[in-house]
């Protein structure tokens, strides 16, 4: 056919460490492909600094310039990107559309349980880092500290490699965990999460009612924004005069980690297709985006109410893709982080990794942690609840914790 399967994704690594790496995707198109690609790039800890997207509705050509970790496993990244590209051989056949309409088989969930003889600063982050490196996605977590100082960690995980049911993969995982935990590890077990343990993965139904309205809103509040929001100017505008068949959406905002993913995720949820797009972030982290879009029926967006709803949602996603709050839980302090789940059911990558990294940098220990999903306002949210250890020596102000976690999640911690 002229194009080999492995040529659907090409990665040209930068010659200099400070230069971006170029990722080219040339494959059949599907609604939400850009979102799927950006999620994988974000999961590998990379940031998109520039991009070009074009498609005729059947075939797309995407170029991303990315920067990030110097030790990125590029071959593995290419494999993961190829996995979400529609097959070249099915580009013009009915089978392509039939495959798109089929719901993917949900991944098997495994319970990883281990005991440690004592807690230490940054332990949970180190464990989370190992799981991320092993391509184990954390779906739920319950971490608790016993009165005698022992720590029990329960991780409900899925395996991107789909091998965790094998003894070899289990042994690899346990070996890597022992390497980072050391002699403190008492035991470690990995089993498939059957019905008898499914209830353990459910989060507490209680969420502080005082923060629900403000924290889980998907629309910007009316009136003037102040504080953090006012310092992050955002512009989203639509124009139907420049193209006979497409609506132009122009955005200007401050760059943040996963910015392009947040935009692509929003458009995917609205079932909106991008025909052409270009975006660029300068060294001051100011980002400009021009997207020519259309609805699933192939028409531009002319309804003013639909335009307003889309612009409002995009502004909120650019401003607050994640929600962070530090609240009182009785006499204790609880860190809450929440983000909306894609309508496809996929959560945002590396959130728990960034939370534990921020707390490790702040030298703040974690007494218990829980990840669970909640239906709020007819939308599913992934909620992270971290009960902080306020023992002797705890001196980090709550506003500093909130600021530090938010900056790490948004990629502003290096400023």
Protein backbone atom coordinates (compact mmCIF):
# COMPACT_ATOMS: atom_id res chain seq x y z
CA UNK A 1 0.00 0.00 0.00
CA UNK A 2 3.04 2.29 0.11
CA UNK A 3 3.10 2.97 3.85
CA UNK A 4 4.38 0.50 6.39
CA UNK A 5 2.54 0.12 9.68
CA UNK A 6 5.57 1.29 11.67
CA UNK A 7 5.77 4.42 9.49
CA UNK A 8 2.43 5.63 10.83
CA UNK A 9 4.44 7.14 13.70
CA UNK A 10 7.91 8.61 13.21
CA UNK A 11 10.03 10.11 15.99
CA UNK A 12 13.02 12.32 15.14
CA UNK A 13 15.00 12.85 18.31
CA UNK A 14 16.60 16.23 18.90
CA UNK A 15 20.34 16.49 18.37
CA UNK A 16 20.71 18.92 21.28
CA UNK A 17 19.14 18.42 24.73
CA UNK A 18 17.53 21.85 24.65
CA UNK A 19 15.87 21.26 21.25
CA UNK A 20 12.43 19.62 20.89
CA UNK A 21 11.87 16.13 19.53
CA UNK A 22 9.58 15.85 16.51
CA UNK A 23 6.76 13.29 16.52
CA UNK A 24 4.92 12.73 13.23
CA UNK A 25 1.68 10.75 12.99
CA UNK A 26 0.37 9.95 9.51
CA UNK A 27 -2.62 7.61 9.69
CA UNK A 28 -6.39 7.21 9.18
CA UNK A 29 -8.39 9.73 11.15
CA UNK A 30 -10.96 9.22 13.89
CA UNK A 31 -12.74 11.57 16.23
CA UNK A 32 -10.67 11.94 19.40
CA UNK A 33 -7.39 10.68 17.91
CA UNK A 34 -5.60 13.88 18.93
CA UNK A 35 -6.82 13.42 22.51
CA UNK A 36 -5.58 9.82 22.62
CA UNK A 37 -2.16 10.80 21.26
CA UNK A 38 -1.81 13.74 23.68
CA UNK A 39 -2.79 11.56 26.66
CA UNK A 40 0.04 9.14 25.84
CA UNK A 41 2.54 11.97 25.37
CA UNK A 42 1.50 13.41 28.74
CA UNK A 43 1.79 9.99 30.37
CA UNK A 44 5.43 9.81 29.25
CA UNK A 45 6.11 13.13 31.02
CA UNK A 46 6.51 15.17 27.84
CA UNK A 47 5.17 18.63 27.03
CA UNK A 48 4.03 19.73 23.58
CA UNK A 49 5.59 23.09 22.70
CA UNK A 50 4.38 23.28 19.09
CA UNK A 51 2.04 21.38 16.81
CA UNK A 52 0.34 21.16 13.42
CA UNK A 53 -2.78 19.10 12.73
CA UNK A 54 -4.55 18.59 9.39
CA UNK A 55 -7.12 16.07 8.15
CA UNK A 56 -9.61 15.56 5.35
CA UNK A 57 -11.86 13.51 7.60
CA UNK A 58 -10.40 10.20 6.49
CA UNK A 59 -6.64 10.66 6.78
CA UNK A 60 -4.75 12.90 9.18
CA UNK A 61 -1.27 14.33 9.41
CA UNK A 62 -0.11 15.45 12.85
CA UNK A 63 3.24 16.84 13.94
CA UNK A 64 4.06 17.48 17.61
CA UNK A 65 7.28 19.01 18.89
CA UNK A 66 7.81 17.82 22.46
CA UNK A 67 10.24 18.54 25.29
CA UNK A 68 10.73 16.77 28.59
CA UNK A 69 12.66 13.99 30.18
CA UNK A 70 16.11 13.21 28.72
CA UNK A 71 15.69 9.51 29.50
CA UNK A 72 12.42 9.05 27.59
CA UNK A 73 11.97 5.54 26.19
CA UNK A 74 11.27 6.64 22.63
CA UNK A 75 10.76 3.16 21.20
CA UNK A 76 8.16 2.41 23.85
CA UNK A 77 6.47 5.77 23.23
CA UNK A 78 6.26 4.95 19.52
CA UNK A 79 4.67 1.59 20.30
CA UNK A 80 2.06 3.19 22.55
CA UNK A 81 1.23 5.85 19.93
CA UNK A 82 0.86 3.18 17.24
CA UNK A 83 -1.63 1.32 19.43
CA UNK A 84 -4.18 4.16 19.21
CA UNK A 85 -3.74 4.77 15.46
CA UNK A 86 -6.49 3.20 13.33
CA UNK A 87 -5.15 0.45 11.10
CA UNK A 88 -3.91 1.60 7.70
CA UNK A 89 -5.53 -1.39 5.93
CA UNK A 90 -8.97 -0.43 7.25
CA UNK A 91 -8.78 3.23 6.20
CA UNK A 92 -11.29 2.95 3.34
CA UNK A 93 -13.38 -0.03 4.45
CA UNK A 94 -16.54 -0.45 6.47
CA UNK A 95 -14.57 -2.44 9.01
CA UNK A 96 -12.83 0.76 10.13
CA UNK A 97 -16.11 2.33 11.20
CA UNK A 98 -17.39 -0.88 12.74
CA UNK A 99 -14.26 -1.12 14.87
CA UNK A 100 -14.71 2.48 15.99
CA UNK A 101 -18.23 1.76 17.22
CA UNK A 102 -17.18 -1.23 19.27
CA UNK A 103 -16.54 -0.67 22.95
CA UNK A 104 -13.03 -1.78 23.97
CA UNK A 105 -12.75 -4.58 26.47
CA UNK A 106 -12.16 -3.12 29.94
CA UNK A 107 -8.68 -3.93 31.26
CA UNK A 108 -8.21 -6.45 34.04
CA UNK A 109 -7.74 -4.85 37.46
CA UNK A 110 -5.18 -6.23 39.89
CA UNK A 111 -4.71 -5.60 43.60
CA UNK A 112 -1.14 -4.87 44.62
CA UNK A 113 -0.79 -5.08 48.41
CA UNK A 114 2.31 -4.62 50.48
CA UNK A 115 3.31 -3.91 54.06
CA UNK A 116 6.25 -1.79 55.18
CA UNK A 117 7.74 -1.86 58.66
CA UNK A 118 7.93 1.94 58.81
CA UNK A 119 7.07 5.05 56.83
CA UNK A 120 9.57 7.54 55.51
CA UNK A 121 9.44 10.85 53.73
CA UNK A 122 8.64 10.44 50.04
CA UNK A 123 7.98 6.69 50.23
CA UNK A 124 4.62 6.87 48.48
CA UNK A 125 6.04 8.96 45.65
CA UNK A 126 8.93 6.54 45.15
CA UNK A 127 6.49 3.63 44.91
CA UNK A 128 4.26 5.59 42.53
CA UNK A 129 7.25 6.39 40.34
CA UNK A 130 8.13 2.70 40.08
CA UNK A 131 4.58 1.80 39.07
CA UNK A 132 4.56 4.51 36.40
CA UNK A 133 7.88 3.28 35.01
CA UNK A 134 6.41 -0.22 34.83
CA UNK A 135 3.40 1.15 32.89
CA UNK A 136 0.99 0.19 35.64
CA UNK A 137 -1.92 2.61 35.77
CA UNK A 138 -3.19 3.34 39.28
CA UNK A 139 -7.00 3.15 39.26
CA UNK A 140 -7.53 3.29 43.01
CA UNK A 141 -5.27 3.51 46.00
CA UNK A 142 -5.72 3.12 49.73
CA UNK A 143 -2.76 3.94 51.90
CA UNK A 144 -2.90 3.85 55.68
CA UNK A 145 -0.49 4.05 58.58
CA UNK A 146 -1.01 1.76 61.58
CA UNK A 147 -0.52 3.07 65.15
CA UNK A 148 2.78 1.19 65.39
CA UNK A 149 4.11 3.03 62.33
CA UNK A 150 3.70 0.22 59.82
CA UNK A 151 2.31 1.18 56.41
CA UNK A 152 -0.17 -0.79 54.33
CA UNK A 153 -0.53 0.15 50.67
CA UNK A 154 -3.37 -1.14 48.48
CA UNK A 155 -3.05 -0.24 44.79
CA UNK A 156 -5.71 -1.22 42.27
CA UNK A 157 -3.85 -1.15 38.97
CA UNK A 158 -4.17 -2.06 35.31
CA UNK A 159 -1.27 -3.12 33.13
CA UNK A 160 -0.66 -1.35 29.80
CA UNK A 161 1.32 -4.41 28.72
CA UNK A 162 -1.53 -6.77 29.77
CA UNK A 163 0.95 -9.16 31.35
CA UNK A 164 0.34 -8.76 35.07
CA UNK A 165 -1.47 -12.11 35.17
CA UNK A 166 1.86 -13.84 34.42
CA UNK A 167 4.29 -14.85 37.13
CA UNK A 168 7.21 -13.22 35.29
CA UNK A 169 5.52 -9.81 35.25
CA UNK A 170 4.50 -10.12 38.91
CA UNK A 171 8.06 -11.02 39.88
CA UNK A 172 9.41 -8.05 37.92
CA UNK A 173 7.01 -5.69 39.68
CA UNK A 174 7.77 -7.02 43.17
CA UNK A 175 11.52 -6.91 42.48
CA UNK A 176 11.33 -3.25 41.40
CA UNK A 177 9.28 -2.33 44.47
CA UNK A 178 11.71 -4.07 46.81
CA UNK A 179 14.57 -2.18 45.19
CA UNK A 180 13.05 1.18 46.10
CA UNK A 181 11.44 0.24 49.46
CA UNK A 182 14.44 -1.74 50.69
CA UNK A 183 14.52 -3.69 53.93
CA UNK A 184 11.40 -1.90 55.16
CA UNK A 185 9.21 -4.13 52.98
CA UNK A 186 7.55 -6.91 55.00
CA UNK A 187 5.47 -8.52 52.26
CA UNK A 188 4.17 -7.87 48.75
CA UNK A 189 1.37 -9.64 46.88
CA UNK A 190 -0.30 -9.18 43.49
CA UNK A 191 -3.66 -10.80 42.73
CA UNK A 192 -6.47 -10.20 40.30
CA UNK A 193 -9.10 -8.00 41.92
CA UNK A 194 -12.16 -10.22 42.11
CA UNK A 195 -15.66 -9.36 43.33
CA UNK A 196 -14.69 -10.04 46.93
CA UNK A 197 -12.28 -7.09 46.96
CA UNK A 198 -14.08 -4.81 44.53
CA UNK A 199 -15.79 -2.94 47.34
CA UNK A 200 -12.40 -1.96 48.74
CA UNK A 201 -11.79 0.15 45.66
CA UNK A 202 -14.83 2.32 46.23
CA UNK A 203 -14.21 5.71 47.73
CA UNK A 204 -16.04 7.28 50.60
CA UNK A 205 -19.30 8.80 49.37
CA UNK A 206 -18.72 11.80 51.59
CA UNK A 207 -17.19 14.93 50.15
CA UNK A 208 -17.15 18.24 52.07
CA UNK A 209 -20.31 19.98 50.85
CA UNK A 210 -18.77 23.43 51.31
CA UNK A 211 -16.44 22.93 48.35
CA UNK A 212 -18.69 21.00 45.97
CA UNK A 213 -20.27 23.97 44.18
CA UNK A 214 -17.08 25.89 43.54
CA UNK A 215 -14.66 23.02 43.11
CA UNK A 216 -16.61 20.93 40.63
CA UNK A 217 -18.02 23.62 38.38
CA UNK A 218 -17.34 23.14 34.67
CA UNK A 219 -18.17 26.75 33.87
CA UNK A 220 -16.44 29.98 34.81
CA UNK A 221 -18.14 32.08 37.49
CA UNK A 222 -19.76 35.31 36.37
CA UNK A 223 -18.04 38.55 37.16
CA UNK A 224 -14.44 39.59 37.61
CA UNK A 225 -11.84 36.95 38.41
CA UNK A 226 -9.29 37.72 41.08
CA UNK A 227 -6.14 36.28 42.55
CA UNK A 228 -4.71 33.27 40.79
CA UNK A 229 -7.30 33.36 38.02
CA UNK A 230 -6.75 37.04 37.20
CA UNK A 231 -3.01 36.42 36.79
CA UNK A 232 -3.71 33.84 34.08
CA UNK A 233 -5.41 35.80 31.24
CA UNK A 234 -7.33 33.62 28.81
CA UNK A 235 -8.97 34.45 25.51
CA UNK A 236 -11.26 32.09 23.57
CA UNK A 237 -13.09 33.39 20.50
CA UNK A 238 -14.99 31.84 17.58
CA UNK A 239 -15.15 33.14 14.01
CA UNK A 240 -17.38 31.77 11.23
CA UNK A 241 -16.37 34.29 8.53
CA UNK A 242 -12.99 32.90 7.49
CA UNK A 243 -14.14 29.49 6.23
CA UNK A 244 -17.29 28.39 4.39
CA UNK A 245 -17.34 25.01 6.16
CA UNK A 246 -15.42 25.39 9.44
CA UNK A 247 -15.60 27.36 12.65
CA UNK A 248 -12.33 28.96 13.70
CA UNK A 249 -11.55 28.83 17.42
CA UNK A 250 -8.71 31.09 18.52
CA UNK A 251 -7.20 30.73 21.99
CA UNK A 252 -4.55 32.60 23.92
CA UNK A 253 -3.51 31.45 27.36
CA UNK A 254 -0.69 30.58 29.68
CA UNK A 255 0.86 27.20 28.93
CA UNK A 256 0.52 24.40 31.46
CA UNK A 257 1.30 20.70 31.63
CA UNK A 258 -1.13 18.79 29.43
CA UNK A 259 -2.60 21.93 27.84
CA UNK A 260 -3.10 20.38 24.39
CA UNK A 261 -4.52 17.23 26.01
CA UNK A 262 -7.08 19.33 27.92
CA UNK A 263 -8.21 21.04 24.71
CA UNK A 264 -8.34 17.80 22.71
CA UNK A 265 -10.19 16.05 25.56
CA UNK A 266 -12.83 18.78 25.64
CA UNK A 267 -13.38 18.70 21.87
CA UNK A 268 -13.58 14.89 21.95
CA UNK A 269 -16.22 15.04 24.68
CA UNK A 270 -18.23 17.45 22.49
CA UNK A 271 -17.76 15.11 19.49
CA UNK A 272 -16.07 17.92 17.56
CA UNK A 273 -13.58 17.23 14.79
CA UNK A 274 -10.45 19.29 14.09
CA UNK A 275 -9.76 19.72 10.37
CA UNK A 276 -6.75 21.97 10.76
CA UNK A 277 -4.92 23.32 13.78
CA UNK A 278 -1.73 25.04 14.76
CA UNK A 279 -0.42 25.92 18.20
CA UNK A 280 2.74 27.35 19.65
CA UNK A 281 4.12 28.12 23.12
CA UNK A 282 6.95 30.64 23.46
CA UNK A 283 9.72 30.69 26.04
CA UNK A 284 7.57 32.81 28.36
CA UNK A 285 4.99 30.01 28.26
CA UNK A 286 2.39 32.07 26.44
CA UNK A 287 0.43 29.85 24.09
CA UNK A 288 -1.53 30.64 20.92
CA UNK A 289 -3.86 28.18 19.20
CA UNK A 290 -5.88 28.34 15.97
CA UNK A 291 -8.26 25.43 15.35
CA UNK A 292 -10.62 24.99 12.40
CA UNK A 293 -13.34 22.69 13.67
CA UNK A 294 -16.72 21.26 12.70
CA UNK A 295 -19.45 19.22 14.28
CA UNK A 296 -19.88 15.48 13.78
CA UNK A 297 -22.44 16.22 11.01
CA UNK A 298 -19.74 18.06 9.04
CA UNK A 299 -21.20 21.52 9.64
CA UNK A 300 -19.77 24.58 11.35
CA UNK A 301 -21.05 25.70 14.75
CA UNK A 302 -23.57 28.51 14.10
CA UNK A 303 -25.85 28.19 17.13
CA UNK A 304 -24.85 31.01 19.54
CA UNK A 305 -25.76 28.88 22.56
CA UNK A 306 -23.49 26.05 21.38
CA UNK A 307 -20.70 28.54 20.71
CA UNK A 308 -21.05 30.05 24.19
CA UNK A 309 -21.14 26.63 25.86
CA UNK A 310 -18.01 25.47 24.03
CA UNK A 311 -16.10 28.70 24.74
CA UNK A 312 -17.07 28.65 28.42
CA UNK A 313 -15.96 25.05 28.79
CA UNK A 314 -12.66 25.68 26.97
CA UNK A 315 -11.92 28.69 29.18
CA UNK A 316 -12.46 26.62 32.30
CA UNK A 317 -10.27 23.78 31.01
CA UNK A 318 -7.50 26.23 30.16
CA UNK A 319 -7.80 27.90 33.53
CA UNK A 320 -8.53 25.01 35.88
CA UNK A 321 -8.01 21.57 34.32
CA UNK A 322 -7.47 20.26 37.85
CA UNK A 323 -9.02 21.41 41.11
CA UNK A 324 -6.94 21.69 44.26
CA UNK A 325 -8.07 22.50 47.79
CA UNK A 326 -6.77 22.01 51.32
CA UNK A 327 -9.61 21.60 53.82
CA UNK A 328 -10.22 20.59 57.40
CA UNK A 329 -11.29 17.03 58.07
CA UNK A 330 -12.19 17.27 61.71
CA UNK A 331 -8.95 18.11 63.52
CA UNK A 332 -6.87 16.95 60.55
CA UNK A 333 -5.82 18.49 57.24
CA UNK A 334 -6.92 16.95 53.96
CA UNK A 335 -5.66 17.68 50.47
CA UNK A 336 -8.29 17.31 47.74
CA UNK A 337 -7.45 17.15 44.03
CA UNK A 338 -10.06 16.48 41.37
CA UNK A 339 -10.22 16.34 37.60
CA UNK A 340 -13.04 15.46 35.19
CA UNK A 341 -12.84 12.04 33.57
CA UNK A 342 -13.09 11.70 29.80
CA UNK A 343 -16.50 10.52 28.63
CA UNK A 344 -14.65 7.44 27.36
CA UNK A 345 -13.84 6.64 31.01
CA UNK A 346 -10.13 7.39 30.88
CA UNK A 347 -8.57 9.47 33.64
CA UNK A 348 -5.82 12.04 33.44
CA UNK A 349 -2.29 10.54 33.56
CA UNK A 350 0.28 11.11 36.33
CA UNK A 351 -1.94 13.07 38.71
CA UNK A 352 -1.10 10.95 41.74
CA UNK A 353 2.56 10.97 40.71
CA UNK A 354 2.61 14.78 40.71
CA UNK A 355 0.71 15.05 44.01
CA UNK A 356 3.15 12.76 45.82
CA UNK A 357 6.11 14.53 44.19
CA UNK A 358 4.90 17.93 45.39
CA UNK A 359 4.38 16.66 48.95
CA UNK A 360 7.81 15.02 48.92
CA UNK A 361 9.40 18.36 47.91
CA UNK A 362 7.41 20.09 50.65
CA UNK A 363 8.65 17.45 53.14
CA UNK A 364 5.04 16.69 54.05
CA UNK A 365 4.21 13.10 54.94
CA UNK A 366 1.04 11.30 53.92
CA UNK A 367 -0.98 9.55 56.59
CA UNK A 368 -3.54 8.03 54.23
CA UNK A 369 -4.55 8.40 50.60
CA UNK A 370 -7.53 7.43 48.51
CA UNK A 371 -8.41 7.67 44.82
CA UNK A 372 -12.00 7.19 43.77
CA UNK A 373 -14.48 8.31 41.16
CA UNK A 374 -17.63 10.26 41.95
CA UNK A 375 -20.61 11.27 39.81
CA UNK A 376 -21.08 14.99 40.43
CA UNK A 377 -23.43 17.13 38.34
CA UNK A 378 -23.92 14.27 35.87
CA UNK A 379 -20.19 14.17 35.25
CA UNK A 380 -17.64 11.66 36.50
CA UNK A 381 -14.74 13.05 38.48
CA UNK A 382 -11.57 11.42 39.69
CA UNK A 383 -11.01 12.60 43.25
CA UNK A 384 -7.76 12.26 45.18
CA UNK A 385 -8.08 12.59 48.96
CA UNK A 386 -4.81 12.84 50.87
CA UNK A 387 -4.87 12.98 54.66
CA UNK A 388 -1.67 14.72 55.73
CA UNK A 389 0.48 13.67 58.65
CA UNK A 390 0.47 16.63 61.02
CA UNK A 391 2.76 15.11 63.60
CA UNK A 392 5.68 16.70 65.36
CA UNK A 393 7.58 19.02 63.06
CA UNK A 394 4.68 19.69 60.69
CA UNK A 395 5.12 23.34 59.79
CA UNK A 396 4.09 23.84 56.14
CA UNK A 397 1.19 26.33 55.92
CA UNK A 398 -1.93 25.09 54.18
CA UNK A 399 -1.77 27.76 51.48
CA UNK A 400 1.80 26.69 50.67
CA UNK A 401 0.69 23.08 50.31
CA UNK A 402 -2.13 24.06 47.97
CA UNK A 403 0.17 26.31 45.95
CA UNK A 404 2.94 23.72 45.75
CA UNK A 405 0.64 20.91 44.62
CA UNK A 406 -1.09 23.10 42.05
CA UNK A 407 2.20 24.34 40.60
CA UNK A 408 3.50 20.81 40.22
CA UNK A 409 0.29 19.60 38.58
CA UNK A 410 0.33 22.56 36.17
CA UNK A 411 4.03 22.22 35.41
CA UNK A 412 4.92 25.53 37.01
CA UNK A 413 7.14 24.08 39.75
CA UNK A 414 10.36 24.80 37.85
CA UNK A 415 9.80 28.55 37.71
